[in-house]
All heavy atoms as atom14 arrays in JSON, in Angstrom:
{
  "sequence": "KEYNNRWFLFGALDGRMEIYNLALDRIVYF",
  "atom14_mask": [
    [1, 1, 1, 1, 1, 1, 1, 1, 1, 0, 0, 0, 0, 0],
    [1, 1, 1, 1, 1, 1, 1, 1, 1, 0, 0, 0, 0, 0],
    [1, 1, 1, 1, 1, 1, 1, 1, 1, 1, 1, 1, 0, 0],
    [1, 1, 1, 1, 1, 1, 1, 1, 0, 0, 0, 0, 0, 0],
    [1, 1, 1, 1, 1, 1, 1, 1, 0, 0, 0, 0, 0, 0],
    [1, 1, 1, 1, 1, 1, 1, 1, 1, 1, 1, 0, 0, 0],
    [1, 1, 1, 1, 1, 1, 1, 1, 1, 1, 1, 1, 1, 1],
    [1, 1, 1, 1, 1, 1, 1, 1, 1, 1, 1, 0, 0, 0],
    [1, 1, 1, 1, 1, 1, 1, 1, 0, 0, 0, 0, 0, 0],
    [1, 1, 1, 1, 1, 1, 1, 1, 1, 1, 1, 0, 0, 0],
    [1, 1, 1, 1, 0, 0, 0, 0, 0, 0, 0, 0, 0, 0],
    [1, 1, 1, 1, 1, 0, 0, 0, 0, 0, 0, 0, 0, 0],
    [1, 1, 1, 1, 1, 1, 1, 1, 0, 0, 0, 0, 0, 0],
    [1, 1, 1, 1, 1, 1, 1, 1, 0, 0, 0, 0, 0, 0],
    [1, 1, 1, 1, 0, 0, 0, 0, 0, 0, 0, 0, 0, 0],
    [1, 1, 1, 1, 1, 1, 1, 1, 1, 1, 1, 0, 0, 0],
    [1, 1, 1, 1, 1, 1, 1, 1, 0, 0, 0, 0, 0, 0],
    [1, 1, 1, 1, 1, 1, 1, 1, 1, 0, 0, 0, 0, 0],
    [1, 1, 1, 1, 1, 1, 1, 1, 0, 0, 0, 0, 0, 0],
    [1, 1, 1, 1, 1, 1, 1, 1, 1, 1, 1, 1, 0, 0],
    [1, 1, 1, 1, 1, 1, 1, 1, 0, 0, 0, 0, 0, 0],
    [1, 1, 1, 1, 1, 1, 1, 1, 0, 0, 0, 0, 0, 0],
    [1, 1, 1, 1, 1, 0, 0, 0, 0, 0, 0, 0, 0, 0],
    [1, 1, 1, 1, 1, 1, 1, 1, 0, 0, 0, 0, 0, 0],
    [1, 1, 1, 1, 1, 1, 1, 1, 0, 0, 0, 0, 0, 0],
    [1, 1, 1, 1, 1, 1, 1, 1, 1, 1, 1, 0, 0, 0],
    [1, 1, 1, 1, 1, 1, 1, 1, 0, 0, 0, 0, 0, 0],
    [1, 1, 1, 1, 1, 1, 1, 0, 0, 0, 0, 0, 0, 0],
    [1, 1, 1, 1, 1, 1, 1, 1, 1, 1, 1, 1, 0, 0],
    [1, 1, 1, 1, 1, 1, 1, 1, 1, 1, 1, 0, 0, 0]
  ],
  "atom14_positions": [
    [[134.68, 256.15, 1.05], [134.28, 255.04, 0.19], [132.99, 255.38, -0.54], [132.05, 255.93, 0.05], [134.06, 253.76, 1.01], [133.72, 252.53, 0.17], [133.63, 251.28, 1.03], [133.22, 250.06, 0.23], [134.21, 249.71, -0.81], [0.0, 0.0, 0.0], [0.0, 0.0, 0.0], [0.0, 0.0, 0.0], [0.0, 0.0, 0.0], [0.0, 0.0, 0.0]],
    [[132.96, 255.05, -1.83], [131.77, 255.25, -2.64], [131.04, 253.94, -2.82], [131.65, 252.91, -3.06], [132.14, 255.84, -4.0], [130.96, 256.21, -4.88], [130.54, 255.1, -5.83], [131.32, 254.14, -5.98], [129.44, 255.18, -6.41], [0.0, 0.0, 0.0], [0.0, 0.0, 0.0], [0.0, 0.0, 0.0], [0.0, 0.0, 0.0], [0.0, 0.0, 0.0]],
    [[129.72, 253.97, -2.68], [128.9, 252.8, -2.97], [127.57, 253.26, -3.54], [126.91, 254.13, -2.96], [128.65, 251.95, -1.71], [127.72, 250.78, -1.97], [128.15, 249.68, -2.7], [126.4, 250.8, -1.53], [127.3, 248.62, -2.98], [125.54, 249.74, -1.79], [125.99, 248.65, -2.52], [125.15, 247.61, -2.8], [0.0, 0.0, 0.0], [0.0, 0.0, 0.0]],
    [[127.23, 252.71, -4.69], [125.95, 252.99, -5.33], [125.75, 254.5, -5.52], [124.68, 255.04, -5.24], [124.8, 252.39, -4.51], [123.52, 252.29, -5.3], [123.53, 252.22, -6.53], [122.4, 252.28, -4.6], [0.0, 0.0, 0.0], [0.0, 0.0, 0.0], [0.0, 0.0, 0.0], [0.0, 0.0, 0.0], [0.0, 0.0, 0.0], [0.0, 0.0, 0.0]],
    [[126.8, 255.16, -6.01], [126.77, 256.6, -6.27], [126.51, 257.44, -5.03], [125.94, 258.53, -5.11], [125.71, 256.93, -7.33], [126.31, 257.15, -8.7], [127.47, 257.54, -8.82], [125.55, 256.88, -9.74], [0.0, 0.0, 0.0], [0.0, 0.0, 0.0], [0.0, 0.0, 0.0], [0.0, 0.0, 0.0], [0.0, 0.0, 0.0], [0.0, 0.0, 0.0]],
    [[126.94, 256.94, -3.88], [126.81, 257.69, -2.63], [128.13, 257.55, -1.88], [128.75, 256.48, -1.89], [125.65, 257.14, -1.82], [125.17, 258.07, -0.71], [123.96, 257.49, 0.0], [123.47, 258.37, 1.05], [122.85, 257.96, 2.15], [122.66, 256.66, 2.34], [122.44, 258.81, 3.04], [0.0, 0.0, 0.0], [0.0, 0.0, 0.0], [0.0, 0.0, 0.0]],
    [[128.57, 258.62, -1.21], [129.86, 258.63, -0.55], [129.71, 258.51, 0.96], [128.77, 259.06, 1.55], [130.62, 259.92, -0.88], [131.2, 259.9, -2.25], [130.63, 260.39, -3.4], [132.45, 259.35, -2.63], [131.46, 260.17, -4.46], [132.58, 259.54, -4.03], [133.48, 258.72, -1.93], [133.7, 259.13, -4.73], [134.6, 258.31, -2.63], [134.7, 258.51, -4.01]],
    [[130.66, 257.79, 1.58], [130.64, 257.54, 3.01], [132.02, 257.8, 3.6], [133.05, 257.49, 2.97], [130.23, 256.1, 3.32], [128.84, 255.74, 2.82], [128.64, 255.32, 1.52], [127.74, 255.84, 3.67], [127.38, 255.0, 1.06], [126.48, 255.52, 3.22], [126.28, 255.1, 1.91], [0.0, 0.0, 0.0], [0.0, 0.0, 0.0], [0.0, 0.0, 0.0]],
    [[132.03, 258.34, 4.82], [133.28, 258.54, 5.57], [133.33, 257.5, 6.67], [132.4, 257.38, 7.48], [133.31, 259.94, 6.17], [134.44, 260.23, 7.16], [135.79, 260.21, 6.45], [134.22, 261.56, 7.86], [0.0, 0.0, 0.0], [0.0, 0.0, 0.0], [0.0, 0.0, 0.0], [0.0, 0.0, 0.0], [0.0, 0.0, 0.0], [0.0, 0.0, 0.0]],
    [[134.43, 256.75, 6.73], [134.64, 255.75, 7.78], [135.7, 256.25, 8.75], [136.72, 256.79, 8.35], [135.09, 254.41, 7.18], [133.99, 253.64, 6.53], [133.56, 253.96, 5.25], [133.36, 252.59, 7.2], [132.53, 253.25, 4.66], [132.34, 251.88, 6.62], [131.91, 252.21, 5.34], [0.0, 0.0, 0.0], [0.0, 0.0, 0.0], [0.0, 0.0, 0.0]],
    [[135.44, 256.05, 10.03], [136.4, 256.44, 11.04], [136.0, 255.91, 12.4], [134.93, 255.31, 12.57], [0.0, 0.0, 0.0], [0.0, 0.0, 0.0], [0.0, 0.0, 0.0], [0.0, 0.0, 0.0], [0.0, 0.0, 0.0], [0.0, 0.0, 0.0], [0.0, 0.0, 0.0], [0.0, 0.0, 0.0], [0.0, 0.0, 0.0], [0.0, 0.0, 0.0]],
    [[136.87, 256.12, 13.38], [136.61, 255.66, 14.74], [136.07, 256.81, 15.57], [136.59, 257.92, 15.55], [137.89, 255.12, 15.37], [0.0, 0.0, 0.0], [0.0, 0.0, 0.0], [0.0, 0.0, 0.0], [0.0, 0.0, 0.0], [0.0, 0.0, 0.0], [0.0, 0.0, 0.0], [0.0, 0.0, 0.0], [0.0, 0.0, 0.0], [0.0, 0.0, 0.0]],
    [[135.0, 256.54, 16.31], [134.4, 257.54, 17.18], [135.32, 257.79, 18.37], [135.73, 256.85, 19.06], [133.04, 257.05, 17.65], [132.13, 258.07, 18.34], [131.76, 259.18, 17.37], [130.89, 257.39, 18.88], [0.0, 0.0, 0.0], [0.0, 0.0, 0.0], [0.0, 0.0, 0.0], [0.0, 0.0, 0.0], [0.0, 0.0, 0.0], [0.0, 0.0, 0.0]],
    [[135.68, 259.03, 18.6], [136.61, 259.35, 19.68], [136.05, 258.91, 21.04], [134.88, 259.08, 21.34], [136.87, 260.86, 19.71], [137.95, 261.23, 20.7], [139.06, 260.68, 20.6], [137.68, 262.06, 21.59], [0.0, 0.0, 0.0], [0.0, 0.0, 0.0], [0.0, 0.0, 0.0], [0.0, 0.0, 0.0], [0.0, 0.0, 0.0], [0.0, 0.0, 0.0]],
    [[136.94, 258.35, 21.84], [136.56, 257.88, 23.16], [136.1, 256.45, 23.2], [136.24, 255.76, 24.21], [0.0, 0.0, 0.0], [0.0, 0.0, 0.0], [0.0, 0.0, 0.0], [0.0, 0.0, 0.0], [0.0, 0.0, 0.0], [0.0, 0.0, 0.0], [0.0, 0.0, 0.0], [0.0, 0.0, 0.0], [0.0, 0.0, 0.0], [0.0, 0.0, 0.0]],
    [[135.55, 255.96, 22.08], [135.08, 254.58, 22.01], [135.87, 253.78, 20.98], [135.92, 252.56, 21.06], [133.59, 254.56, 21.64], [132.71, 255.21, 22.69], [131.29, 255.39, 22.2], [130.66, 254.12, 21.86], [129.42, 254.02, 21.36], [128.71, 255.12, 21.15], [128.91, 252.84, 21.08], [0.0, 0.0, 0.0], [0.0, 0.0, 0.0], [0.0, 0.0, 0.0]],
    [[136.46, 254.48, 20.0], [137.22, 253.85, 18.91], [136.39, 252.78, 18.22], [136.9, 251.74, 17.81], [138.55, 253.29, 19.43], [139.49, 254.36, 19.97], [139.77, 255.76, 18.84], [140.74, 254.97, 17.55], [0.0, 0.0, 0.0], [0.0, 0.0, 0.0], [0.0, 0.0, 0.0], [0.0, 0.0, 0.0], [0.0, 0.0, 0.0], [0.0, 0.0, 0.0]],
    [[135.1, 253.04, 18.12], [134.19, 252.16, 17.39], [134.05, 252.69, 15.97], [133.91, 253.89, 15.75], [132.83, 252.15, 18.09], [131.77, 251.33, 17.39], [130.44, 251.41, 18.1], [130.39, 251.95, 19.23], [129.44, 250.94, 17.53], [0.0, 0.0, 0.0], [0.0, 0.0, 0.0], [0.0, 0.0, 0.0], [0.0, 0.0, 0.0], [0.0, 0.0, 0.0]],
    [[134.12, 251.79, 14.97], [134.07, 252.22, 13.58], [132.66, 252.68, 13.22], [131.68, 251.97, 13.41], [134.51, 251.08, 12.63], [135.95, 250.7, 12.92], [134.35, 251.52, 11.17], [136.96, 251.81, 12.71], [0.0, 0.0, 0.0], [0.0, 0.0, 0.0], [0.0, 0.0, 0.0], [0.0, 0.0, 0.0], [0.0, 0.0, 0.0], [0.0, 0.0, 0.0]],
    [[132.58, 253.9, 12.71], [131.34, 254.49, 12.25], [131.45, 254.76, 10.76], [132.55, 254.97, 10.24], [131.07, 255.82, 12.96], [130.17, 255.72, 14.17], [130.44, 254.82, 15.2], [129.06, 256.55, 14.3], [129.63, 254.74, 16.32], [128.25, 256.48, 15.43], [128.53, 255.58, 16.42], [127.72, 255.51, 17.52], [0.0, 0.0, 0.0], [0.0, 0.0, 0.0]],
    [[130.32, 254.77, 10.07], [130.32, 255.31, 8.71], [129.23, 256.36, 8.62], [128.11, 256.16, 9.1], [130.18, 254.22, 7.65], [128.76, 253.75, 7.43], [127.93, 254.47, 6.89], [128.49, 252.52, 7.85], [0.0, 0.0, 0.0], [0.0, 0.0, 0.0], [0.0, 0.0, 0.0], [0.0, 0.0, 0.0], [0.0, 0.0, 0.0], [0.0, 0.0, 0.0]],
    [[129.58, 257.5, 8.05], [128.68, 258.63, 7.93], [128.52, 258.99, 6.46], [129.52, 259.15, 5.73], [129.23, 259.85, 8.69], [129.48, 259.65, 10.19], [130.11, 260.91, 10.78], [128.2, 259.3, 10.93], [0.0, 0.0, 0.0], [0.0, 0.0, 0.0], [0.0, 0.0, 0.0], [0.0, 0.0, 0.0], [0.0, 0.0, 0.0], [0.0, 0.0, 0.0]],
    [[127.27, 259.09, 6.0], [127.0, 259.47, 4.62], [127.31, 260.96, 4.42], [126.89, 261.8, 5.22], [125.55, 259.18, 4.27], [0.0, 0.0, 0.0], [0.0, 0.0, 0.0], [0.0, 0.0, 0.0], [0.0, 0.0, 0.0], [0.0, 0.0, 0.0], [0.0, 0.0, 0.0], [0.0, 0.0, 0.0], [0.0, 0.0, 0.0], [0.0, 0.0, 0.0]],
    [[128.06, 261.27, 3.37], [128.46, 262.66, 3.17], [127.27, 263.57, 2.9], [127.32, 264.76, 3.22], [129.46, 262.75, 2.0], [130.95, 262.73, 2.4], [131.3, 261.43, 3.11], [131.84, 262.95, 1.2], [0.0, 0.0, 0.0], [0.0, 0.0, 0.0], [0.0, 0.0, 0.0], [0.0, 0.0, 0.0], [0.0, 0.0, 0.0], [0.0, 0.0, 0.0]],
    [[126.2, 263.03, 2.32], [125.05, 263.89, 2.01], [124.24, 264.24, 3.25], [123.32, 265.05, 3.17], [124.16, 263.24, 0.96], [123.64, 261.87, 1.38], [124.41, 261.11, 1.97], [122.47, 261.58, 1.12], [0.0, 0.0, 0.0], [0.0, 0.0, 0.0], [0.0, 0.0, 0.0], [0.0, 0.0, 0.0], [0.0, 0.0, 0.0], [0.0, 0.0, 0.0]],
    [[124.58, 263.65, 4.41], [123.89, 263.99, 5.65], [124.78, 264.83, 6.58], [124.38, 265.15, 7.69], [123.45, 262.71, 6.4], [122.62, 261.75, 5.59], [121.45, 262.42, 4.92], [120.57, 263.1, 5.87], [119.64, 263.96, 5.53], [119.48, 264.29, 4.25], [118.87, 264.52, 6.44], [0.0, 0.0, 0.0], [0.0, 0.0, 0.0], [0.0, 0.0, 0.0]],
    [[125.98, 265.17, 6.12], [126.87, 266.02, 6.9], [126.42, 267.47, 6.76], [126.32, 267.99, 5.65], [128.33, 265.85, 6.46], [128.84, 264.46, 6.83], [129.22, 266.91, 7.09], [130.26, 264.18, 6.39], [0.0, 0.0, 0.0], [0.0, 0.0, 0.0], [0.0, 0.0, 0.0], [0.0, 0.0, 0.0], [0.0, 0.0, 0.0], [0.0, 0.0, 0.0]],
    [[126.15, 268.11, 7.9], [125.73, 269.51, 7.9], [126.95, 270.42, 7.83], [126.97, 271.41, 7.09], [124.9, 269.83, 9.17], [124.48, 271.29, 9.18], [123.68, 268.91, 9.25], [0.0, 0.0, 0.0], [0.0, 0.0, 0.0], [0.0, 0.0, 0.0], [0.0, 0.0, 0.0], [0.0, 0.0, 0.0], [0.0, 0.0, 0.0], [0.0, 0.0, 0.0]],
    [[127.99, 270.09, 8.6], [129.23, 270.84, 8.55], [130.34, 269.96, 9.12], [130.08, 268.95, 9.78], [129.14, 272.15, 9.35], [129.11, 271.95, 10.85], [130.28, 271.89, 11.6], [127.9, 271.81, 11.52], [130.26, 271.7, 12.97], [127.86, 271.62, 12.9], [129.04, 271.56, 13.6], [129.01, 271.36, 14.96], [0.0, 0.0, 0.0], [0.0, 0.0, 0.0]],
    [[131.58, 270.33, 8.86], [132.71, 269.65, 9.51], [133.85, 270.64, 9.62], [133.94, 271.63, 8.88], [133.13, 268.41, 8.73], [133.83, 268.69, 7.42], [135.21, 268.82, 7.35], [133.08, 268.83, 6.26], [135.84, 269.09, 6.15], [133.7, 269.11, 5.05], [135.08, 269.23, 5.0], [0.0, 0.0, 0.0], [0.0, 0.0, 0.0], [0.0, 0.0, 0.0]]
  ]
}
């Protein structure tokens, strides 16, 4: 999802299935 010219990844954290959002510009690797 894009908001205010910034991109975010939404997903469930494994083991907890809690929804997280991670900013793509803070991702070091995947």
